[in-house]
PDB file of N, CA and C in Angstrom:
ATOM      1  N   MET A   1     132.895  42.376-139.207  1.00  0.00           N
ATOM      2  CA  MET A   1     133.037  43.462-139.884  1.00  0.00           C
ATOM      3  C   MET A   1     131.659  44.019-140.651  1.00  0.00           C
ATOM      4  N   ALA A   2     131.378  45.237-140.291  1.00  0.00           N
ATOM      5  CA  ALA A   2     129.892  45.941-140.415  1.00  0.00           C
ATOM      6  C   ALA A   2     129.664  45.643-141.997  1.00  0.00           C
ATOM      7  N   ASN A   3     128.497  45.887-142.129  1.00  0.00           N
ATOM      8  CA  ASN A   3     127.602  45.982-143.572  1.00  0.00           C
ATOM      9  C   ASN A   3     128.116  47.494-143.778  1.00  0.00           C
ATOM     10  N   PRO A   4     128.125  47.285-145.125  1.00  0.00           N
ATOM     11  CA  PRO A   4     128.076  48.562-145.744  1.00  0.00           C
ATOM     12  C   PRO A   4     126.933  50.110-144.732  1.00  0.00           C
ATOM     13  N   GLY A   5     127.667  51.214-145.068  1.00  0.00           N
ATOM     14  CA  GLY A   5     126.546  51.813-144.639  1.00  0.00           C
ATOM     15  C   GLY A   5     126.296  52.252-143.181  1.00  0.00           C
ATOM     16  N   THR A   6     127.366  51.030-142.364  1.00  0.00           N
ATOM     17  CA  THR A   6     126.719  50.811-140.676  1.00  0.00           C
ATOM     18  C   THR A   6     127.720  51.286-140.048  1.00  0.00           C
ATOM     19  N   HIS A   7     127.517  51.436-138.544  1.00  0.00           N
ATOM     20  CA  HIS A   7     128.444  51.864-137.924  1.00  0.00           C
ATOM     21  C   HIS A   7     128.372  51.622-136.556  1.00  0.00           C
ATOM     22  N   THR A   8     129.062  51.371-135.802  1.00  0.00           N
ATOM     23  CA  THR A   8     128.959  50.970-134.090  1.00  0.00           C
ATOM     24  C   THR A   8     128.436  52.899-133.664  1.00  0.00           C
ATOM     25  N   GLY A   9     127.183  52.280-132.665  1.00  0.00           N
ATOM     26  CA  GLY A   9     126.252  53.216-132.265  1.00  0.00           C
ATOM     27  C   GLY A   9     127.518  53.937-130.704  1.00  0.00           C
ATOM     28  N   SER A  10     127.513  54.906-131.133  1.00  0.00           N
ATOM     29  CA  SER A  10     128.162  55.157-130.006  1.00  0.00           C
ATOM     30  C   SER A  10     127.787  55.211-128.355  1.00  0.00           C
ATOM     31  N   HIS A  11     126.512  55.557-128.042  1.00  0.00           N
ATOM     32  CA  HIS A  11     126.072  54.911-126.953  1.00  0.00           C
ATOM     33  C   HIS A  11     125.779  53.588-126.154  1.00  0.00           C
ATOM     34  N   THR A  12     125.329  52.818-127.612  1.00  0.00           N
ATOM     35  CA  THR A  12     124.559  51.681-127.132  1.00  0.00           C
ATOM     36  C   THR A  12     125.840  50.538-127.268  1.00  0.00           C
ATOM     37  N   GLY A  13     127.047  50.943-128.213  1.00  0.00           N
ATOM     38  CA  GLY A  13     127.665  49.770-128.874  1.00  0.00           C
ATOM     39  C   GLY A  13     127.171  48.764-129.767  1.00  0.00           C
ATOM     40  N   SER A  14     126.091  48.884-130.245  1.00  0.00           N
ATOM     41  CA  SER A  14     125.412  47.931-131.022  1.00  0.00           C
ATOM     42  C   SER A  14     125.691  48.732-132.574  1.00  0.00           C
ATOM     43  N   PRO A  15     125.650  47.881-133.659  1.00  0.00           N
ATOM     44  CA  PRO A  15     125.835  48.273-135.185  1.00  0.00           C
ATOM     45  C   PRO A  15     124.287  49.347-135.171  1.00  0.00           C
ATOM     46  N   SER A  16     124.913  49.889-136.062  1.00  0.00           N
ATOM     47  CA  SER A  16     123.431  50.757-136.719  1.00  0.00           C
ATOM     48  C   SER A  16     123.663  51.236-138.133  1.00  0.00           C
ATOM     49  N   ILE A  17     122.741  51.477-139.058  1.00  0.00           N
ATOM     50  CA  ILE A  17     123.002  52.038-139.870  1.00  0.00           C
ATOM     51  C   ILE A  17     123.034  53.648-140.187  1.00  0.00           C
ATOM     52  N   ASP A  18     123.986  54.076-141.024  1.00  0.00           N
ATOM     53  CA  ASP A  18     124.412  55.523-140.532  1.00  0.00           C
ATOM     54  C   ASP A  18     123.241  56.547-141.174  1.00  0.00           C
ATOM     55  N   PRO A  19     122.885  57.560-139.991  1.00  0.00           N
ATOM     56  CA  PRO A  19     121.629  58.148-140.224  1.00  0.00           C
ATOM     57  C   PRO A  19     121.304  58.811-141.771  1.00  0.00           C
ATOM     58  N   GLY A  20     122.213  59.178-142.451  1.00  0.00           N
ATOM     59  CA  GLY A  20     122.700  59.661-143.503  1.00  0.00           C
ATOM     60  C   GLY A  20     122.407  58.589-144.641  1.00  0.00           C
ATOM     61  N   THR A  21     122.735  57.614-144.406  1.00  0.00           N
ATOM     62  CA  THR A  21     122.643  56.469-145.873  1.00  0.00           C
ATOM     63  C   THR A  21     121.000  56.311-145.353  1.00  0.00           C
ATOM     64  N   HIS A  22     120.809  55.861-144.387  1.00  0.00           N
ATOM     65  CA  HIS A  22     119.125  56.006-144.196  1.00  0.00           C
ATOM     66  C   HIS A  22     118.195  56.637-144.843  1.00  0.00           C
ATOM     67  N   ASP A  23     118.552  58.140-144.380  1.00  0.00           N
ATOM     68  CA  ASP A  23     117.683  59.338-145.022  1.00  0.00           C
ATOM     69  C   ASP A  23     117.560  59.304-146.463  1.00  0.00           C
ATOM     70  N   ALA A  24     119.044  59.361-147.015  1.00  0.00           N
ATOM     71  CA  ALA A  24     119.138  59.069-148.867  1.00  0.00           C
ATOM     72  C   ALA A  24     118.343  57.483-149.152  1.00  0.00           C
ATOM     73  N   TYR A  25     118.260  56.889-148.636  1.00  0.00           N
ATOM     74  CA  TYR A  25     117.769  55.612-149.027  1.00  0.00           C
ATOM     75  C   TYR A  25     116.208  55.838-149.000  1.00  0.00           C
ATOM     76  N   TRP A  26     115.514  56.298-148.478  1.00  0.00           N
ATOM     77  CA  TRP A  26     114.147  56.915-148.207  1.00  0.00           C
ATOM     78  C   TRP A  26     113.882  57.681-148.785  1.00  0.00           C
ATOM     79  N   ARG A  27     114.634  58.869-148.985  1.00  0.00           N
ATOM     80  CA  ARG A  27     114.271  59.862-150.033  1.00  0.00           C
ATOM     81  C   ARG A  27     113.922  59.825-151.016  1.00  0.00           C
ATOM     82  N   GLU A  28     114.963  58.305-151.619  1.00  0.00           N
ATOM     83  CA  GLU A  28     115.195  58.134-152.897  1.00  0.00           C
ATOM     84  C   GLU A  28     113.903  57.371-153.144  1.00  0.00           C
ATOM     85  N   ASN A  29     112.971  56.464-152.188  1.00  0.00           N
ATOM     86  CA  ASN A  29     112.273  55.460-152.610  1.00  0.00           C
ATOM     87  C   ASN A  29     110.724  55.673-152.027  1.00  0.00           C
ATOM     88  N   PHE A  30     110.786  56.586-150.825  1.00  0.00           N
ATOM     89  CA  PHE A  30     109.289  56.870-149.897  1.00  0.00           C
ATOM     90  C   PHE A  30     108.098  56.963-151.234  1.00  0.00           C
ATOM     91  N   ARG A  31     108.552  57.278-152.364  1.00  0.00           N
ATOM     92  CA  ARG A  31     106.949  57.486-153.114  1.00  0.00           C
ATOM     93  C   ARG A  31     106.522  55.920-153.948  1.00  0.00           C
ATOM     94  N   ASN A  32     107.553  55.152-153.797  1.00  0.00           N
ATOM     95  CA  ASN A  32     107.685  53.788-154.347  1.00  0.00           C
ATOM     96  C   ASN A  32     106.898  52.806-153.242  1.00  0.00           C
ATOM     97  N   GLU A  33     106.675  53.042-151.993  1.00  0.00           N
ATOM     98  CA  GLU A  33     105.868  52.308-151.196  1.00  0.00           C
ATOM     99  C   GLU A  33     104.923  52.244-151.039  1.00  0.00           C
ATOM    100  N   SER A  34     103.980  51.393-150.739  1.00  0.00           N
ATOM    101  CA  SER A  34     102.411  51.104-150.936  1.00  0.00           C
ATOM    102  C   SER A  34     101.512  51.706-150.245  1.00  0.00           C
ATOM    103  N   TYR A  35     102.318  52.422-149.042  1.00  0.00           N
ATOM    104  CA  TYR A  35     101.848  52.951-148.122  1.00  0.00           C
ATOM    105  C   TYR A  35     101.667  55.169-148.403  1.00  0.00           C
ATOM    106  N   TYR A  36     102.284  55.081-149.231  1.00  0.00           N
ATOM    107  CA  TYR A  36     102.394  56.513-149.861  1.00  0.00           C
ATOM    108  C   TYR A  36     101.435  57.329-150.390  1.00  0.00           C
ATOM    109  N   ASP A  37     100.950  58.423-150.150  1.00  0.00           N
ATOM    110  CA  ASP A  37      99.906  59.274-150.332  1.00  0.00           C
ATOM    111  C   ASP A  37     100.559  60.181-150.977  1.00  0.00           C
ATOM    112  N   ARG A  38     100.380  60.779-152.209  1.00  0.00           N
ATOM    113  CA  ARG A  38     100.405  62.066-153.271  1.00  0.00           C
ATOM    114  C   ARG A  38     100.397  63.406-152.384  1.00  0.00           C
ATOM    115  N   ASN A  39      99.594  63.448-151.467  1.00  0.00           N
ATOM    116  CA  ASN A  39      99.283  64.496-150.602  1.00  0.00           C
ATOM    117  C   ASN A  39     100.132  64.772-149.620  1.00  0.00           C
ATOM    118  N   TYR A  40     101.174  64.031-149.177  1.00  0.00           N
ATOM    119  CA  TYR A  40     102.312  64.441-148.534  1.00  0.00           C
ATOM    120  C   TYR A  40     103.238  63.955-149.230  1.00  0.00           C
ATOM    121  N   GLU A  41     104.676  65.283-148.569  1.00  0.00           N
ATOM    122  CA  GLU A  41     105.522  65.041-149.257  1.00  0.00           C
ATOM    123  C   GLU A  41     107.077  64.330-148.525  1.00  0.00           C
ATOM    124  N   TRP A  42     108.169  64.447-148.889  1.00  0.00           N
ATOM    125  CA  TRP A  42     109.260  63.961-148.053  1.00  0.00           C
ATOM    126  C   TRP A  42     109.100  64.762-146.826  1.00  0.00           C
ATOM    127  N   ASP A  43     109.063  65.823-146.437  1.00  0.00           N
ATOM    128  CA  ASP A  43     109.212  66.627-145.273  1.00  0.00           C
ATOM    129  C   ASP A  43     108.328  66.337-144.366  1.00  0.00           C
ATOM    130  N   ASP A  44     107.123  65.258-145.018  1.00  0.00           N
ATOM    131  CA  ASP A  44     106.043  64.804-143.974  1.00  0.00           C
ATOM    132  C   ASP A  44     106.617  63.017-143.380  1.00  0.00           C
ATOM    133  N   TYR A  45     107.063  62.620-144.526  1.00  0.00           N
ATOM    134  CA  TYR A  45     107.153  61.201-144.101  1.00  0.00           C
ATOM    135  C   TYR A  45     108.877  61.039-143.576  1.00  0.00           C
ATOM    136  N   GLU A  46     109.776  62.006-143.956  1.00  0.00           N
ATOM    137  CA  GLU A  46     110.808  61.611-142.841  1.00  0.00           C
ATOM    138  C   GLU A  46     111.065  61.528-141.588  1.00  0.00           C
ATOM    139  N   PRO A  47     110.064  62.346-140.810  1.00  0.00           N
ATOM    140  CA  PRO A  47     110.257  62.402-138.984  1.00  0.00           C
ATOM    141  C   PRO A  47     109.786  60.605-138.960  1.00  0.00           C
ATOM    142  N   ALA A  48     108.891  60.091-139.818  1.00  0.00           N
ATOM    143  CA  ALA A  48     108.206  58.877-139.371  1.00  0.00           C
ATOM    144  C   ALA A  48     109.463  57.761-139.728  1.00  0.00           C
ATOM    145  N   TYR A  49     110.297  58.052-140.989  1.00  0.00           N
ATOM    146  CA  TYR A  49     111.863  57.268-141.094  1.00  0.00           C
ATOM    147  C   TYR A  49     112.485  57.154-139.684  1.00  0.00           C
ATOM    148  N   ARG A  50     112.804  58.513-139.740  1.00  0.00           N
ATOM    149  CA  ARG A  50     114.211  58.493-138.693  1.00  0.00           C
ATOM    150  C   ARG A  50     113.296  58.303-137.334  1.00  0.00           C
ATOM    151  N   TYR A  51     112.194  58.236-137.086  1.00  0.00           N
ATOM    152  CA  TYR A  51     111.291  57.538-135.601  1.00  0.00           C
ATOM    153  C   TYR A  51     111.535  56.098-135.770  1.00  0.00           C
ATOM    154  N   GLY A  52     111.335  55.617-136.787  1.00  0.00           N
ATOM    155  CA  GLY A  52     111.642  53.992-136.909  1.00  0.00           C
ATOM    156  C   GLY A  52     113.101  53.370-136.767  1.00  0.00           C
ATOM    157  N   ARG A  53     113.825  54.460-137.186  1.00  0.00           N
ATOM    158  CA  ARG A  53     115.118  54.280-137.164  1.00  0.00           C
ATOM    159  C   ARG A  53     115.941  54.036-135.704  1.00  0.00           C
ATOM    160  N   GLU A  54     115.492  55.503-135.015  1.00  0.00           N
ATOM    161  CA  GLU A  54     115.926  55.758-133.807  1.00  0.00           C
ATOM    162  C   GLU A  54     115.160  54.664-132.528  1.00  0.00           C
ATOM    163  N   SER A  55     113.875  54.492-132.936  1.00  0.00           N
ATOM    164  CA  SER A  55     113.095  53.631-131.879  1.00  0.00           C
ATOM    165  C   SER A  55     113.694  52.201-132.299  1.00  0.00           C
ATOM    166  N   TYR A  56     114.088  51.925-132.878  1.00  0.00           N
ATOM    167  CA  TYR A  56     114.862  50.528-133.323  1.00  0.00           C
ATOM    168  C   TYR A  56     116.051  50.261-132.210  1.00  0.00           C
ATOM    169  N   SER A  57     116.675  51.807-132.253  1.00  0.00           N
ATOM    170  CA  SER A  57     118.337  51.605-131.893  1.00  0.00           C
ATOM    171  C   SER A  57     117.656  51.689-130.235  1.00  0.00           C
ATOM    172  N   MET A  58     116.318  52.362-129.737  1.00  0.00           N
ATOM    173  CA  MET A  58     116.019  52.346-128.259  1.00  0.00           C
ATOM    174  C   MET A  58     115.752  51.005-127.784  1.00  0.00           C
ATOM    175  N   HIS A  59     114.946  50.433-128.817  1.00  0.00           N
ATOM    176  CA  HIS A  59     114.104  48.963-128.425  1.00  0.00           C
ATOM    177  C   HIS A  59     115.079  47.687-129.169  1.00  0.00           C
ATOM    178  N   THR A  60     116.194  47.722-129.476  1.00  0.00           N
ATOM    179  CA  THR A  60     117.150  46.744-129.941  1.00  0.00           C
ATOM    180  C   THR A  60     116.670  45.192-129.520  1.00  0.00           C
ATOM    181  N   GLY A  61     116.633  44.021-130.179  1.00  0.00           N
ATOM    182  CA  GLY A  61     116.328  42.734-129.568  1.00  0.00           C
ATOM    183  C   GLY A  61     114.731  42.641-129.672  1.00  0.00           C
ATOM    184  N   ARG A  62     113.747  43.698-129.448  1.00  0.00           N
ATOM    185  CA  ARG A  62     112.705  43.640-129.387  1.00  0.00           C
ATOM    186  C   ARG A  62     111.606  43.721-130.984  1.00  0.00           C
ATOM    187  N   ARG A  63     110.633  42.783-130.738  1.00  0.00           N
ATOM    188  CA  ARG A  63     109.785  43.282-132.018  1.00  0.00           C
ATOM    189  C   ARG A  63     108.866  44.419-132.189  1.00  0.00           C
ATOM    190  N   TYR A  64     108.799  44.612-133.174  1.00  0.00           N
ATOM    191  CA  TYR A  64     108.182  45.659-133.595  1.00  0.00           C
ATOM    192  C   TYR A  64     106.788  45.841-133.228  1.00  0.00           C
ATOM    193  N   SER A  65     106.132  44.704-133.320  1.00  0.00           N
ATOM    194  CA  SER A  65     104.836  44.714-132.502  1.00  0.00           C
ATOM    195  C   SER A  65     104.671  44.589-131.183  1.00  0.00           C
ATOM    196  N   ASP A  66     105.717  44.196-130.252  1.00  0.00           N
ATOM    197  CA  ASP A  66     105.950  44.632-128.875  1.00  0.00           C
ATOM    198  C   ASP A  66     105.973  45.882-128.582  1.00  0.00           C
ATOM    199  N   VAL A  67     106.184  46.853-129.554  1.00  0.00           N
ATOM    200  CA  VAL A  67     106.423  48.134-128.989  1.00  0.00           C
ATOM    201  C   VAL A  67     105.638  49.512-129.883  1.00  0.00           C
ATOM    202  N   GLU A  68     104.786  48.740-130.848  1.00  0.00           N
ATOM    203  CA  GLU A  68     104.165  49.617-131.370  1.00  0.00           C
ATOM    204  C   GLU A  68     103.218  50.333-130.937  1.00  0.00           C
ATOM    205  N   ARG A  69     102.430  50.303-129.745  1.00  0.00           N
ATOM    206  CA  ARG A  69     101.357  51.018-129.092  1.00  0.00           C
ATOM    207  C   ARG A  69     102.508  51.914-128.325  1.00  0.00           C
ATOM    208  N   VAL A  70     103.591  51.886-127.985  1.00  0.00           N
ATOM    209  CA  VAL A  70     104.844  53.084-126.799  1.00  0.00           C
ATOM    210  C   VAL A  70     105.071  54.000-128.149  1.00  0.00           C
ATOM    211  N   LEU A  71     105.626  53.718-129.592  1.00  0.00           N
ATOM    212  CA  LEU A  71     105.522  54.330-130.729  1.00  0.00           C
ATOM    213  C   LEU A  71     104.605  55.514-131.020  1.00  0.00           C
ATOM    214  N   GLU A  72     103.229  54.431-130.900  1.00  0.00           N
ATOM    215  CA  GLU A  72     101.903  55.637-131.127  1.00  0.00           C
ATOM    216  C   GLU A  72     102.008  56.676-130.421  1.00  0.00           C
ATOM    217  N   SER A  73     102.290  56.303-129.132  1.00  0.00           N
ATOM    218  CA  SER A  73     102.260  57.285-127.834  1.00  0.00           C
ATOM    219  C   SER A  73     103.124  58.146-128.301  1.00  0.00           C
ATOM    220  N   GLY A  74     103.933  58.413-128.686  1.00  0.00           N
ATOM    221  CA  GLY A  74     105.450  59.041-128.774  1.00  0.00           C
ATOM    222  C   GLY A  74     105.465  59.700-130.039  1.00  0.00           C
ATOM    223  N   TRP A  75     104.332  59.354-131.216  1.00  0.00           N
ATOM    224  CA  TRP A  75     104.442  60.070-132.182  1.00  0.00           C
ATOM    225  C   TRP A  75     104.148  61.529-132.429  1.00  0.00           C
ATOM    226  N   GLU A  76     103.304  61.841-131.566  1.00  0.00           N
ATOM    227  CA  GLU A  76     103.132  63.412-131.411  1.00  0.00           C
ATOM    228  C   GLU A  76     104.168  63.991-131.292  1.00  0.00           C
ATOM    229  N   ARG A  77     105.364  63.777-130.394  1.00  0.00           N
ATOM    230  CA  ARG A  77     106.226  64.563-129.937  1.00  0.00           C
ATOM    231  C   ARG A  77     107.620  64.337-131.115  1.00  0.00           C
ATOM    232  N   ALA A  78     107.290  63.266-131.631  1.00  0.00           N
ATOM    233  CA  ALA A  78     108.765  62.787-132.739  1.00  0.00           C
ATOM    234  C   ALA A  78     108.081  63.065-134.245  1.00  0.00           C
ATOM    235  N   LYS A  79     107.106  63.505-134.428  1.00  0.00           N
ATOM    236  CA  LYS A  79     106.650  64.023-135.733  1.00  0.00           C
ATOM    237  C   LYS A  79     107.372  65.601-135.898  1.00  0.00           C
ATOM    238  N   GLY A  80     107.520  66.289-135.149  1.00  0.00           N
ATOM    239  CA  GLY A  80     107.617  67.568-135.433  1.00  0.00           C
ATOM    240  C   GLY A  80     106.644  68.312-136.143  1.00  0.00           C
ATOM    241  N   LYS A  81     107.064  69.038-137.623  1.00  0.00           N
ATOM    242  CA  LYS A  81     106.337  69.813-138.486  1.00  0.00           C
ATOM    243  C   LYS A  81     105.446  68.547-139.509  1.00  0.00           C
ATOM    244  N   SER A  82     105.625  67.531-139.174  1.00  0.00           N
ATOM    245  CA  SER A  82     104.890  66.350-140.260  1.00  0.00           C
ATOM    246  C   SER A  82     103.576  66.239-140.273  1.00  0.00           C
ATOM    247  N   ARG A  83     102.834  66.399-141.163  1.00  0.00           N
ATOM    248  CA  ARG A  83     101.225  66.541-141.099  1.00  0.00           C
ATOM    249  C   ARG A  83     100.653  64.959-140.679  1.00  0.00           C
ATOM    250  N   LEU A  84     101.547  64.285-140.808  1.00  0.00           N
ATOM    251  CA  LEU A  84     100.933  63.058-140.715  1.00  0.00           C
ATOM    252  C   LEU A  84     100.543  62.311-139.303  1.00  0.00           C
ATOM    253  N   MET A  85      99.307  61.905-139.448  1.00  0.00           N
ATOM    254  CA  MET A  85      98.534  61.618-138.046  1.00  0.00           C
ATOM    255  C   MET A  85      99.070  59.682-138.124  1.00  0.00           C
ATOM    256  N   TRP A  86      99.246  59.159-136.569  1.00  0.00           N
ATOM    257  CA  TRP A  86      99.942  58.070-136.406  1.00  0.00           C
ATOM    258  C   TRP A  86      99.657  57.078-137.435  1.00  0.00           C
ATOM    259  N   GLN A  87      98.178  56.969-137.998  1.00  0.00           N
ATOM    260  CA  GLN A  87      97.147  56.143-138.955  1.00  0.00           C
ATOM    261  C   GLN A  87      98.133  56.441-140.521  1.00  0.00           C
ATOM    262  N   ASN A  88      98.520  57.897-140.738  1.00  0.00           N
ATOM    263  CA  ASN A  88      99.198  57.178-142.051  1.00  0.00           C
ATOM    264  C   ASN A  88     100.828  57.259-141.878  1.00  0.00           C
ATOM    265  N   ALA A  89     100.964  57.567-140.354  1.00  0.00           N
ATOM    266  CA  ALA A  89     102.635  57.389-140.502  1.00  0.00           C
ATOM    267  C   ALA A  89     103.008  55.984-139.960  1.00  0.00           C
ATOM    268  N   LYS A  90     102.483  55.111-139.763  1.00  0.00           N
ATOM    269  CA  LYS A  90     102.812  53.766-138.734  1.00  0.00           C
ATOM    270  C   LYS A  90     103.465  53.083-139.659  1.00  0.00           C
ATOM    271  N   GLU A  91     102.926  53.144-141.050  1.00  0.00           N
ATOM    272  CA  GLU A  91     104.032  52.096-142.186  1.00  0.00           C
ATOM    273  C   GLU A  91     105.171  52.406-142.508  1.00  0.00           C
ATOM    274  N   ALA A  92     105.171  53.651-142.275  1.00  0.00           N
ATOM    275  CA  ALA A  92     106.451  54.493-142.718  1.00  0.00           C
ATOM    276  C   ALA A  92     107.465  54.357-141.317  1.00  0.00           C
ATOM    277  N   VAL A  93     106.727  54.211-140.397  1.00  0.00           N
ATOM    278  CA  VAL A  93     107.746  54.157-139.013  1.00  0.00           C
ATOM    279  C   VAL A  93     108.332  52.407-139.124  1.00  0.00           C
ATOM    280  N   ARG A  94     107.458  51.668-139.068  1.00  0.00           N
ATOM    281  CA  ARG A  94     107.409  50.421-139.565  1.00  0.00           C
ATOM    282  C   ARG A  94     108.596  50.006-140.393  1.00  0.00           C
ATOM    283  N   ALA A  95     108.475  50.720-141.482  1.00  0.00           N
ATOM    284  CA  ALA A  95     109.558  50.521-142.455  1.00  0.00           C
ATOM    285  C   ALA A  95     110.887  50.639-142.423  1.00  0.00           C
ATOM    286  N   GLY A  96     111.008  52.068-141.432  1.00  0.00           N
ATOM    287  CA  GLY A  96     112.196  52.550-141.006  1.00  0.00           C
ATOM    288  C   GLY A  96     112.724  51.608-140.201  1.00  0.00           C
ATOM    289  N   TRP A  97     112.053  51.160-139.253  1.00  0.00           N
ATOM    290  CA  TRP A  97     112.294  50.204-138.081  1.00  0.00           C
ATOM    291  C   TRP A  97     113.139  49.003-138.415  1.00  0.00           C
ATOM    292  N   HIS A  98     112.409  48.290-139.867  1.00  0.00           N
ATOM    293  CA  HIS A  98     112.528  47.224-140.443  1.00  0.00           C
ATOM    294  C   HIS A  98     113.746  47.418-140.971  1.00  0.00           C
ATOM    295  N   ARG A  99     113.924  48.201-141.687  1.00  0.00           N
ATOM    296  CA  ARG A  99     115.662  48.659-142.635  1.00  0.00           C
ATOM    297  C   ARG A  99     116.735  48.484-141.735  1.00  0.00           C
ATOM    298  N   ILE A 100     116.277  48.832-140.573  1.00  0.00           N
ATOM    299  CA  ILE A 100     117.610  48.913-139.484  1.00  0.00           C
ATOM    300  C   ILE A 100     117.563  47.410-139.095  1.00  0.00           C
ATOM    301  N   GLU A 101     116.365  46.616-138.634  1.00  0.00           N
ATOM    302  CA  GLU A 101     116.488  45.428-138.223  1.00  0.00           C
ATOM    303  C   GLU A 101     117.251  44.591-139.055  1.00  0.00           C
ATOM    304  N   ARG A 102     116.531  44.837-140.582  1.00  0.00           N
ATOM    305  CA  ARG A 102     117.282  43.403-141.452  1.00  0.00           C
ATOM    306  C   ARG A 102     118.698  43.952-141.759  1.00  0.00           C
ATOM    307  N   ALA A 103     119.583  44.966-141.202  1.00  0.00           N
ATOM    308  CA  ALA A 103     120.965  45.332-141.403  1.00  0.00           C
ATOM    309  C   ALA A 103     121.581  44.626-140.604  1.00  0.00           C
ATOM    310  N   MET A 104     120.953  44.401-138.960  1.00  0.00           N
ATOM    311  CA  MET A 104     121.457  43.953-138.222  1.00  0.00           C
ATOM    312  C   MET A 104     121.936  42.326-138.023  1.00  0.00           C
ATOM    313  N   PRO A 105     122.607  41.669-137.867  1.00  0.00           N
ATOM    314  CA  PRO A 105     122.594  40.152-137.059  1.00  0.00           C
ATOM    315  C   PRO A 105     121.588  39.685-136.758  1.00  0.00           C
ATOM    316  N   GLY A 106     120.600  38.601-137.194  1.00  0.00           N
ATOM    317  CA  GLY A 106     119.681  38.243-136.452  1.00  0.00           C
ATOM    318  C   GLY A 106     118.433  39.227-136.304  1.00  0.00           C
ATOM    319  N   ASP A 107     117.261  38.993-137.277  1.00  0.00           N
ATOM    320  CA  ASP A 107     116.116  39.982-137.478  1.00  0.00           C
ATOM    321  C   ASP A 107     115.396  39.503-136.192  1.00  0.00           C
ATOM    322  N   ALA A 108     115.322  40.126-135.402  1.00  0.00           N
ATOM    323  CA  ALA A 108     114.417  40.001-134.118  1.00  0.00           C
ATOM    324  C   ALA A 108     112.849  39.256-134.553  1.00  0.00           C
ATOM    325  N   ASP A 109     112.227  40.004-135.124  1.00  0.00           N
ATOM    326  CA  ASP A 109     110.929  39.260-135.454  1.00  0.00           C
ATOM    327  C   ASP A 109     110.546  38.434-136.570  1.00  0.00           C
ATOM    328  N   ARG A 110     111.830  38.086-137.036  1.00  0.00           N
ATOM    329  CA  ARG A 110     111.913  37.088-138.147  1.00  0.00           C
ATOM    330  C   ARG A 110     111.312  37.474-139.669  1.00  0.00           C
ATOM    331  N   ASP A 111     110.921  38.372-139.554  1.00  0.00           N
ATOM    332  CA  ASP A 111     110.017  39.334-140.866  1.00  0.00           C
ATOM    333  C   ASP A 111     110.938  39.424-142.243  1.00  0.00           C
TER     334      ASP A 111
END
């Protein structure tokens, strides 16, 4: 049985956290993260968390550290109207990735 707030991804057949649950969690908690900068708001961070979630689904089974450079190169396309540059966004992307990863059986990079 899937964890609460998870469902089976339609195109991959692998479980994933419901995007609404993921977004609600980060909307409530993003200001509590060590990387949070009060000069930025939810609309700046949301694309980073979404990018982390979506990227995990595209790279399931791989470690974040193995794909970080790929993610960096895609950030300009993924960020939409976010004001975050990669240096400011990467920790939120990593957090979004790891939140999904920890909800899955077998944490790929064992963190």
